Amino acid sequence: MAAQWEYKVVVHKFGWKGFKYEQIEKDLTDLGRDGWEAVSTVSPSTGAGQAMDLAVILKRPAS
């Protein structure tokens, strides 16, 4: 049987001073403790290539 996964997308918004990398790191650490693994990121850009948000795609085995 093929592995079964559940997925989660966590979005971090670009703020006045950029992304809050410390918060992103904390969120990923907390999610990792719950069994989530980051597998990809998406950062759509607009205009001159400025990313307005960062989406982190995570997965873990389905329960």
Protein backbone atom coordinates (compact mmCIF):
# COMPACT_ATOMS: atom_id res chain seq x y z
CA MET A 1 0.00 0.00 0.00
CA ALA A 2 1.23 3.50 -0.83
CA ALA A 3 2.07 5.85 2.03
CA GLN A 4 -0.75 8.16 3.09
CA TRP A 5 0.07 11.77 3.93
CA GLU A 6 -1.69 14.79 5.31
CA TYR A 7 -0.56 18.23 4.19
CA LYS A 8 -0.51 21.72 5.68
CA VAL A 9 0.30 25.10 4.15
CA VAL A 10 1.62 27.83 6.45
CA VAL A 11 1.76 31.37 5.03
CA HIS A 12 4.05 34.11 6.32
CA LYS A 13 3.36 37.65 5.12
CA PHE A 14 6.00 40.13 4.05
CA GLY A 15 5.99 42.92 6.64
CA TRP A 16 7.27 46.46 6.82
CA LYS A 17 10.82 45.23 7.52
CA GLY A 18 10.64 42.04 5.45
CA PHE A 19 9.90 38.53 6.60
CA LYS A 20 10.13 37.73 10.30
CA TYR A 21 12.64 34.92 9.94
CA GLU A 22 12.83 34.23 13.67
CA GLN A 23 9.06 33.66 13.70
CA ILE A 24 9.26 31.39 10.64
CA GLU A 25 11.98 29.36 12.35
CA LYS A 26 9.96 29.09 15.57
CA ASP A 27 6.83 28.02 13.70
CA LEU A 28 8.72 25.35 11.74
CA THR A 29 10.39 24.05 14.90
CA ASP A 30 7.04 23.82 16.70
CA LEU A 31 5.43 22.05 13.73
CA GLY A 32 8.40 19.69 13.46
CA ARG A 33 7.84 18.64 17.06
CA ASP A 34 4.31 17.69 16.01
CA GLY A 35 5.63 15.49 13.20
CA TRP A 36 5.37 17.95 10.31
CA GLU A 37 8.17 18.10 7.73
CA ALA A 38 8.68 21.04 5.36
CA VAL A 39 8.80 19.72 1.80
CA SER A 40 8.56 22.86 -0.35
CA THR A 41 8.08 26.61 -0.40
CA VAL A 42 6.19 28.94 -2.70
CA SER A 43 6.83 32.67 -2.80
CA PRO A 44 4.75 34.31 -5.51
CA SER A 45 6.07 37.67 -6.61
CA THR A 46 4.41 40.72 -8.07
CA GLY A 47 5.63 43.67 -10.07
CA ALA A 48 9.41 43.87 -9.91
CA GLY A 49 9.76 40.43 -8.33
CA GLN A 50 8.96 41.39 -4.74
CA ALA A 51 7.63 38.37 -2.82
CA MET A 52 4.62 39.41 -0.74
CA ASP A 53 4.28 36.17 1.17
CA LEU A 54 6.02 32.88 1.73
CA ALA A 55 4.03 29.66 1.78
CA VAL A 56 5.66 26.63 3.39
CA ILE A 57 4.20 23.26 2.42
CA LEU A 58 4.49 20.57 5.07
CA LYS A 59 3.54 16.89 5.29
CA ARG A 60 3.35 14.14 7.86
CA PRO A 61 2.07 10.58 7.83
CA ALA A 62 -1.72 10.43 7.98
CA SER A 63 -3.13 9.17 11.23
